[in-house]
Amino acid sequence: MTGYVEAVCTSRKKGTVKKEKGQVALYLDMGIEGDAHAGNGHRQISILQGESIDKMREKVPALSNGAFGENIVTRNLDLSQLDIGDQLTLGNEVVIEITQIGKECHTACTIRTLVGDCIMPIEGIFSKVIKGGCLYPGNDIRIVN
């Protein structure tokens, strides 16, 4: 199964909408440079399917990539088929490992307040960086195992 990176997004503060970037740098055991979730933890990077965001755009057409606090928006990759421990190669360099599927939503979530709903708790996945590098929109995504 392969797909591609539709967008890469970051924010300086946790629990907020992220902004699209033309590229990001990922570092081993840290995550995305300049992102609030960067650090030595298991939720360094958040990922959502572009198709999931499209469904929410039917209700709120003005939604942009990053609206749910996701770092990476994918396209043509069914994230529901992934398991904890699966690894993905993004582009030619970056390797990430899935560490969590879904999450508990904050009760005072800025995203839920702005959008009216949040799909990250059910459809979002989280990962840590196994091999760093630069990541761009358009990069291929391949499942390693």
N, C-alpha and C. Protein backbone atom coordinates (compact mmCIF):
# COMPACT_ATOMS: atom_id res chain seq x y z
N MET A 1 0.85 -1.17 0.00
CA MET A 1 0.00 0.00 0.00
C MET A 1 0.90 1.24 0.00
N THR A 2 0.67 2.15 -0.93
CA THR A 2 1.44 3.40 -0.96
C THR A 2 0.48 4.57 -1.10
N GLY A 3 0.94 5.69 -0.66
CA GLY A 3 0.19 6.93 -0.76
C GLY A 3 1.19 8.05 -0.90
N TYR A 4 0.76 9.27 -0.57
CA TYR A 4 1.69 10.38 -0.62
C TYR A 4 1.34 11.43 0.43
N VAL A 5 2.31 12.28 0.70
CA VAL A 5 2.15 13.37 1.65
C VAL A 5 1.44 14.52 0.92
N GLU A 6 0.26 14.87 1.40
CA GLU A 6 -0.47 15.99 0.80
C GLU A 6 -0.01 17.32 1.41
N ALA A 7 0.26 17.31 2.71
CA ALA A 7 0.66 18.55 3.39
C ALA A 7 1.47 18.21 4.64
N VAL A 8 2.34 19.15 5.02
CA VAL A 8 3.07 19.07 6.28
C VAL A 8 2.77 20.36 7.04
N CYS A 9 2.50 20.24 8.34
CA CYS A 9 2.02 21.38 9.13
C CYS A 9 2.69 21.40 10.50
N THR A 10 2.88 22.61 11.03
CA THR A 10 3.45 22.75 12.37
C THR A 10 2.74 23.88 13.13
N SER A 11 2.93 23.86 14.44
CA SER A 11 2.50 24.98 15.30
C SER A 11 3.45 25.04 16.48
N ARG A 12 3.55 26.20 17.07
CA ARG A 12 4.43 26.39 18.23
C ARG A 12 3.75 26.03 19.54
N LYS A 13 2.40 25.92 19.52
CA LYS A 13 1.65 25.67 20.74
C LYS A 13 0.80 24.40 20.58
N LYS A 14 0.76 23.56 21.60
CA LYS A 14 -0.04 22.34 21.58
C LYS A 14 -1.53 22.68 21.60
N GLY A 15 -2.34 21.81 20.98
CA GLY A 15 -3.78 21.95 21.01
C GLY A 15 -4.33 23.05 20.11
N THR A 16 -3.52 23.52 19.16
CA THR A 16 -3.96 24.58 18.27
C THR A 16 -3.88 24.12 16.81
N VAL A 17 -4.51 24.90 15.95
CA VAL A 17 -4.46 24.64 14.52
C VAL A 17 -3.01 24.82 14.05
N LYS A 18 -2.57 23.93 13.17
CA LYS A 18 -1.22 24.01 12.62
C LYS A 18 -1.27 24.68 11.25
N LYS A 19 -0.15 25.25 10.82
CA LYS A 19 -0.06 25.93 9.54
C LYS A 19 0.77 25.11 8.56
N GLU A 20 0.32 25.10 7.30
CA GLU A 20 1.04 24.36 6.25
C GLU A 20 2.41 24.97 5.99
N LYS A 21 3.36 24.08 5.72
CA LYS A 21 4.73 24.48 5.41
C LYS A 21 5.12 23.86 4.07
N GLY A 22 6.08 24.46 3.40
CA GLY A 22 6.59 23.92 2.14
C GLY A 22 7.50 22.73 2.34
N GLN A 23 8.08 22.63 3.52
CA GLN A 23 8.92 21.50 3.90
C GLN A 23 9.12 21.54 5.40
N VAL A 24 9.47 20.39 5.97
CA VAL A 24 9.82 20.33 7.39
C VAL A 24 11.02 19.40 7.54
N ALA A 25 11.76 19.60 8.62
CA ALA A 25 12.88 18.73 8.96
C ALA A 25 12.48 17.86 10.14
N LEU A 26 12.69 16.55 10.00
CA LEU A 26 12.39 15.59 11.07
C LEU A 26 13.70 15.06 11.62
N TYR A 27 13.74 14.92 12.94
CA TYR A 27 14.96 14.46 13.61
C TYR A 27 14.67 13.23 14.46
N LEU A 28 15.62 12.32 14.47
CA LEU A 28 15.54 11.08 15.24
C LEU A 28 15.18 11.38 16.69
N ASP A 29 14.19 10.65 17.20
CA ASP A 29 13.77 10.76 18.59
C ASP A 29 13.36 12.16 19.02
N MET A 30 13.02 13.03 18.05
CA MET A 30 12.58 14.38 18.40
C MET A 30 11.27 14.74 17.72
N GLY A 31 11.18 14.48 16.43
CA GLY A 31 9.98 14.87 15.69
C GLY A 31 10.30 15.97 14.69
N ILE A 32 9.34 16.86 14.50
CA ILE A 32 9.47 17.92 13.50
C ILE A 32 10.05 19.18 14.15
N GLU A 33 11.11 19.68 13.57
CA GLU A 33 11.75 20.89 14.06
C GLU A 33 10.75 22.04 14.13
N GLY A 34 10.70 22.71 15.27
CA GLY A 34 9.84 23.87 15.44
C GLY A 34 8.40 23.57 15.79
N ASP A 35 8.04 22.29 15.95
CA ASP A 35 6.66 21.96 16.29
C ASP A 35 6.52 21.76 17.80
N ALA A 36 5.37 22.12 18.33
CA ALA A 36 5.11 22.04 19.77
C ALA A 36 5.24 20.62 20.31
N HIS A 37 4.99 19.60 19.49
CA HIS A 37 5.06 18.22 19.96
C HIS A 37 6.44 17.60 19.82
N ALA A 38 7.39 18.36 19.31
CA ALA A 38 8.75 17.84 19.18
C ALA A 38 9.31 17.53 20.57
N GLY A 39 10.01 16.44 20.68
CA GLY A 39 10.61 16.05 21.94
C GLY A 39 10.67 14.54 22.04
N ASN A 40 11.30 14.07 23.06
CA ASN A 40 11.52 12.64 23.23
C ASN A 40 10.26 11.99 23.81
N GLY A 41 9.29 11.70 22.95
CA GLY A 41 8.06 11.07 23.38
C GLY A 41 7.52 10.18 22.28
N HIS A 42 6.40 9.54 22.54
CA HIS A 42 5.85 8.61 21.54
C HIS A 42 4.86 9.28 20.58
N ARG A 43 4.50 10.54 20.84
CA ARG A 43 3.56 11.25 19.96
C ARG A 43 4.24 12.46 19.33
N GLN A 44 5.39 12.22 18.70
CA GLN A 44 6.15 13.31 18.09
C GLN A 44 5.45 13.87 16.86
N ILE A 45 4.74 13.02 16.12
CA ILE A 45 4.11 13.43 14.86
C ILE A 45 2.69 12.89 14.82
N SER A 46 1.74 13.77 14.42
CA SER A 46 0.35 13.35 14.25
C SER A 46 0.03 13.30 12.76
N ILE A 47 -0.82 12.33 12.40
CA ILE A 47 -1.11 12.08 10.98
C ILE A 47 -2.62 11.88 10.80
N LEU A 48 -3.16 12.48 9.75
CA LEU A 48 -4.56 12.31 9.36
C LEU A 48 -4.63 12.08 7.85
N GLN A 49 -5.61 11.32 7.44
CA GLN A 49 -5.88 11.12 6.01
C GLN A 49 -6.54 12.36 5.44
N GLY A 50 -6.13 12.77 4.26
CA GLY A 50 -6.78 13.87 3.57
C GLY A 50 -8.24 13.56 3.30
N GLU A 51 -8.54 12.30 3.07
CA GLU A 51 -9.92 11.89 2.81
C GLU A 51 -10.82 12.13 4.03
N SER A 52 -10.28 11.99 5.23
CA SER A 52 -11.03 12.27 6.46
C SER A 52 -11.32 13.76 6.58
N ILE A 53 -10.34 14.57 6.24
CA ILE A 53 -10.51 16.02 6.29
C ILE A 53 -11.55 16.44 5.25
N ASP A 54 -11.52 15.79 4.07
CA ASP A 54 -12.51 16.09 3.02
C ASP A 54 -13.94 15.92 3.54
N LYS A 55 -14.18 14.86 4.31
CA LYS A 55 -15.52 14.61 4.87
C LYS A 55 -15.94 15.74 5.80
N MET A 56 -14.99 16.25 6.58
CA MET A 56 -15.30 17.36 7.48
C MET A 56 -15.52 18.66 6.70
N ARG A 57 -14.86 18.79 5.55
CA ARG A 57 -15.04 19.99 4.72
C ARG A 57 -16.45 20.06 4.13
N GLU A 58 -17.15 18.91 4.09
CA GLU A 58 -18.54 18.94 3.64
C GLU A 58 -19.39 19.73 4.63
N LYS A 59 -19.00 19.72 5.91
CA LYS A 59 -19.72 20.46 6.96
C LYS A 59 -19.15 21.87 7.12
N VAL A 60 -17.83 21.99 7.02
CA VAL A 60 -17.13 23.27 7.21
C VAL A 60 -16.17 23.46 6.03
N PRO A 61 -16.65 24.00 4.92
CA PRO A 61 -15.84 24.09 3.70
C PRO A 61 -14.52 24.85 3.83
N ALA A 62 -14.41 25.77 4.76
CA ALA A 62 -13.21 26.60 4.87
C ALA A 62 -12.06 25.93 5.61
N LEU A 63 -12.21 24.67 6.01
CA LEU A 63 -11.14 23.98 6.76
C LEU A 63 -9.87 23.90 5.93
N SER A 64 -8.77 24.20 6.57
CA SER A 64 -7.47 24.06 5.90
C SER A 64 -6.73 22.87 6.48
N ASN A 65 -5.71 22.41 5.76
CA ASN A 65 -4.85 21.36 6.30
C ASN A 65 -4.21 21.90 7.58
N GLY A 66 -4.15 21.07 8.60
CA GLY A 66 -3.63 21.48 9.90
C GLY A 66 -4.73 21.88 10.88
N ALA A 67 -5.97 21.94 10.41
CA ALA A 67 -7.09 22.39 11.25
C ALA A 67 -7.32 21.51 12.46
N PHE A 68 -6.94 20.24 12.38
CA PHE A 68 -7.16 19.31 13.49
C PHE A 68 -5.87 19.07 14.29
N GLY A 69 -4.87 19.91 14.05
CA GLY A 69 -3.62 19.79 14.77
C GLY A 69 -2.70 18.71 14.20
N GLU A 70 -2.98 18.26 12.98
CA GLU A 70 -2.16 17.20 12.38
C GLU A 70 -0.90 17.77 11.75
N ASN A 71 0.19 17.01 11.87
CA ASN A 71 1.45 17.39 11.25
C ASN A 71 1.53 16.96 9.79
N ILE A 72 1.03 15.76 9.52
CA ILE A 72 1.12 15.22 8.17
C ILE A 72 -0.27 14.84 7.69
N VAL A 73 -0.62 15.33 6.51
CA VAL A 73 -1.87 14.94 5.84
C VAL A 73 -1.48 13.99 4.72
N THR A 74 -2.09 12.80 4.72
CA THR A 74 -1.79 11.80 3.69
C THR A 74 -2.91 11.76 2.66
N ARG A 75 -2.62 11.13 1.56
CA ARG A 75 -3.63 10.90 0.51
C ARG A 75 -3.35 9.51 -0.06
N ASN A 76 -4.45 8.79 -0.33
CA ASN A 76 -4.39 7.44 -0.94
C ASN A 76 -3.67 6.42 -0.05
N LEU A 77 -3.77 6.59 1.26
CA LEU A 77 -3.19 5.64 2.20
C LEU A 77 -4.20 5.42 3.32
N ASP A 78 -4.70 4.20 3.45
CA ASP A 78 -5.72 3.88 4.45
C ASP A 78 -5.04 3.68 5.81
N LEU A 79 -5.07 4.72 6.61
CA LEU A 79 -4.41 4.67 7.92
C LEU A 79 -5.04 3.66 8.86
N SER A 80 -6.30 3.32 8.63
CA SER A 80 -6.97 2.35 9.50
C SER A 80 -6.38 0.94 9.36
N GLN A 81 -5.59 0.71 8.34
CA GLN A 81 -4.95 -0.59 8.12
C GLN A 81 -3.62 -0.72 8.86
N LEU A 82 -3.17 0.35 9.49
CA LEU A 82 -1.88 0.34 10.17
C LEU A 82 -2.04 -0.09 11.63
N ASP A 83 -1.00 -0.71 12.14
CA ASP A 83 -0.96 -1.15 13.53
C ASP A 83 0.20 -0.49 14.25
N ILE A 84 0.12 -0.44 15.57
CA ILE A 84 1.24 0.06 16.37
C ILE A 84 2.46 -0.80 16.06
N GLY A 85 3.58 -0.14 15.82
CA GLY A 85 4.82 -0.82 15.47
C GLY A 85 5.11 -0.83 13.97
N ASP A 86 4.07 -0.59 13.14
CA ASP A 86 4.31 -0.50 11.69
C ASP A 86 5.21 0.70 11.42
N GLN A 87 6.03 0.56 10.39
CA GLN A 87 6.91 1.65 10.00
C GLN A 87 6.57 2.12 8.60
N LEU A 88 6.71 3.42 8.39
CA LEU A 88 6.45 4.03 7.09
C LEU A 88 7.71 4.77 6.64
N THR A 89 8.00 4.69 5.34
CA THR A 89 9.04 5.50 4.74
C THR A 89 8.35 6.66 4.03
N LEU A 90 8.79 7.87 4.31
CA LEU A 90 8.23 9.07 3.71
C LEU A 90 9.32 9.72 2.86
N GLY A 91 9.08 9.80 1.55
CA GLY A 91 10.12 10.31 0.66
C GLY A 91 11.27 9.32 0.58
N ASN A 92 12.48 9.83 0.40
CA ASN A 92 13.65 8.96 0.26
C ASN A 92 14.41 8.74 1.55
N GLU A 93 14.07 9.51 2.60
CA GLU A 93 14.89 9.47 3.80
C GLU A 93 14.15 9.09 5.07
N VAL A 94 13.03 9.71 5.31
CA VAL A 94 12.37 9.67 6.61
C VAL A 94 11.70 8.32 6.86
N VAL A 95 11.91 7.78 8.07
CA VAL A 95 11.21 6.57 8.52
C VAL A 95 10.58 6.91 9.87
N ILE A 96 9.28 6.60 9.98
CA ILE A 96 8.56 6.80 11.24
C ILE A 96 7.93 5.49 11.67
N GLU A 97 7.65 5.37 12.96
CA GLU A 97 7.01 4.18 13.51
C GLU A 97 5.71 4.58 14.20
N ILE A 98 4.64 3.86 13.88
CA ILE A 98 3.33 4.14 14.49
C ILE A 98 3.40 3.74 15.96
N THR A 99 3.01 4.69 16.83
CA THR A 99 3.10 4.45 18.27
C THR A 99 1.75 4.52 18.98
N GLN A 100 0.75 5.13 18.35
CA GLN A 100 -0.56 5.27 18.98
C GLN A 100 -1.61 5.48 17.90
N ILE A 101 -2.78 4.90 18.11
CA ILE A 101 -3.91 5.07 17.20
C ILE A 101 -5.03 5.74 17.98
N GLY A 102 -5.46 6.91 17.52
CA GLY A 102 -6.47 7.68 18.22
C GLY A 102 -5.91 8.33 19.48
N LYS A 103 -6.75 9.11 20.16
CA LYS A 103 -6.32 9.77 21.39
C LYS A 103 -7.53 10.28 22.15
N GLU A 104 -7.30 10.64 23.38
CA GLU A 104 -8.35 11.28 24.17
C GLU A 104 -8.33 12.77 23.84
N CYS A 105 -9.50 13.32 23.59
CA CYS A 105 -9.58 14.73 23.22
C CYS A 105 -9.61 15.60 24.47
N HIS A 106 -8.95 16.76 24.39
CA HIS A 106 -8.98 17.73 25.47
C HIS A 106 -10.39 18.31 25.58
N THR A 107 -10.88 18.53 26.78
CA THR A 107 -12.23 19.07 26.93
C THR A 107 -12.33 20.51 26.46
N ALA A 108 -11.27 21.28 26.61
CA ALA A 108 -11.28 22.68 26.17
C ALA A 108 -10.47 22.83 24.88
N CYS A 109 -10.60 21.89 24.00
CA CYS A 109 -9.81 21.86 22.77
C CYS A 109 -10.16 23.05 21.86
N THR A 110 -9.16 23.82 21.51
CA THR A 110 -9.34 24.96 20.61
C THR A 110 -9.89 24.50 19.27
N ILE A 111 -9.41 23.37 18.80
CA ILE A 111 -9.82 22.84 17.50
C ILE A 111 -11.30 22.49 17.51
N ARG A 112 -11.74 21.77 18.52
CA ARG A 112 -13.16 21.40 18.61
C ARG A 112 -14.02 22.66 18.69
N THR A 113 -13.57 23.67 19.41
CA THR A 113 -14.31 24.92 19.52
C THR A 113 -14.43 25.62 18.17
N LEU A 114 -13.33 25.70 17.42
CA LEU A 114 -13.32 26.38 16.13
C LEU A 114 -14.09 25.63 15.06
N VAL A 115 -13.90 24.30 15.01
CA VAL A 115 -14.44 23.49 13.92
C VAL A 115 -15.80 22.90 14.26
N GLY A 116 -16.06 22.68 15.54
CA GLY A 116 -17.32 22.09 15.95
C GLY A 116 -17.22 20.60 16.20
N ASP A 117 -16.14 19.99 15.77
CA ASP A 117 -15.92 18.55 15.95
C ASP A 117 -14.43 18.30 15.74
N CYS A 118 -13.95 17.17 16.20
CA CYS A 118 -12.55 16.82 15.98
C CYS A 118 -12.46 15.35 15.61
N ILE A 119 -11.81 15.07 14.50
CA ILE A 119 -11.67 13.69 14.03
C ILE A 119 -10.39 13.04 14.51
N MET A 120 -9.48 13.83 15.07
CA MET A 120 -8.19 13.29 15.51
C MET A 120 -8.34 12.17 16.56
N PRO A 121 -9.25 12.28 17.55
CA PRO A 121 -9.34 11.21 18.55
C PRO A 121 -9.68 9.84 17.96
N ILE A 122 -10.40 9.81 16.86
CA ILE A 122 -10.80 8.53 16.27
C ILE A 122 -9.94 8.14 15.07
N GLU A 123 -9.65 9.10 14.20
CA GLU A 123 -8.99 8.80 12.93
C GLU A 123 -7.51 9.16 12.88
N GLY A 124 -7.03 9.88 13.88
CA GLY A 124 -5.63 10.27 13.89
C GLY A 124 -4.72 9.16 14.37
N ILE A 125 -3.50 9.17 13.86
CA ILE A 125 -2.48 8.25 14.36
C ILE A 125 -1.25 9.06 14.73
N PHE A 126 -0.42 8.48 15.57
CA PHE A 126 0.76 9.16 16.07
C PHE A 126 1.98 8.30 15.86
N SER A 127 3.13 8.96 15.73
CA SER A 127 4.35 8.23 15.44
C SER A 127 5.56 8.93 16.03
N LYS A 128 6.67 8.21 15.99
CA LYS A 128 7.95 8.78 16.38
C LYS A 128 8.91 8.59 15.20
N VAL A 129 9.94 9.42 15.18
CA VAL A 129 10.91 9.38 14.09
C VAL A 129 11.97 8.32 14.36
N ILE A 130 12.14 7.43 13.38
CA ILE A 130 13.17 6.39 13.45
C ILE A 130 14.40 6.82 12.66
N LYS A 131 14.16 7.53 11.54
CA LYS A 131 15.25 8.07 10.72
C LYS A 131 14.80 9.42 10.20
N GLY A 132 15.58 10.46 10.49
CA GLY A 132 15.22 11.82 10.14
C GLY A 132 15.53 12.18 8.69
N GLY A 133 15.16 13.39 8.35
CA GLY A 133 15.40 13.94 7.01
C GLY A 133 14.40 15.03 6.72
N CYS A 134 14.41 15.52 5.48
CA CYS A 134 13.46 16.54 5.05
C CYS A 134 12.22 15.89 4.45
N LEU A 135 11.08 16.51 4.69
CA LEU A 135 9.81 16.00 4.18
C LEU A 135 9.09 17.13 3.46
N TYR A 136 8.55 16.80 2.28
CA TYR A 136 7.87 17.77 1.43
C TYR A 136 6.50 17.24 1.03
N PRO A 137 5.53 18.14 0.79
CA PRO A 137 4.29 17.70 0.16
C PRO A 137 4.63 17.05 -1.19
N GLY A 138 3.95 15.96 -1.49
CA GLY A 138 4.22 15.21 -2.71
C GLY A 138 5.10 14.00 -2.52
N ASN A 139 5.82 13.92 -1.38
CA ASN A 139 6.66 12.75 -1.11
C ASN A 139 5.79 11.49 -1.03
N ASP A 140 6.30 10.39 -1.57
CA ASP A 140 5.64 9.09 -1.47
C ASP A 140 5.67 8.59 -0.03
N ILE A 141 4.68 7.78 0.32
CA ILE A 141 4.65 7.09 1.60
C ILE A 141 4.54 5.60 1.32
N ARG A 142 5.46 4.81 1.89
CA ARG A 142 5.45 3.36 1.71
C ARG A 142 5.47 2.67 3.06
N ILE A 143 4.72 1.61 3.19
CA ILE A 143 4.73 0.81 4.41
C ILE A 143 5.94 -0.10 4.36
N VAL A 144 6.75 -0.06 5.42
CA VAL A 144 7.97 -0.86 5.48
C VAL A 144 7.65 -2.29 5.89
N ASN A 145 6.78 -2.46 6.90
CA ASN A 145 6.45 -3.82 7.37
C ASN A 145 4.98 -3.96 7.61
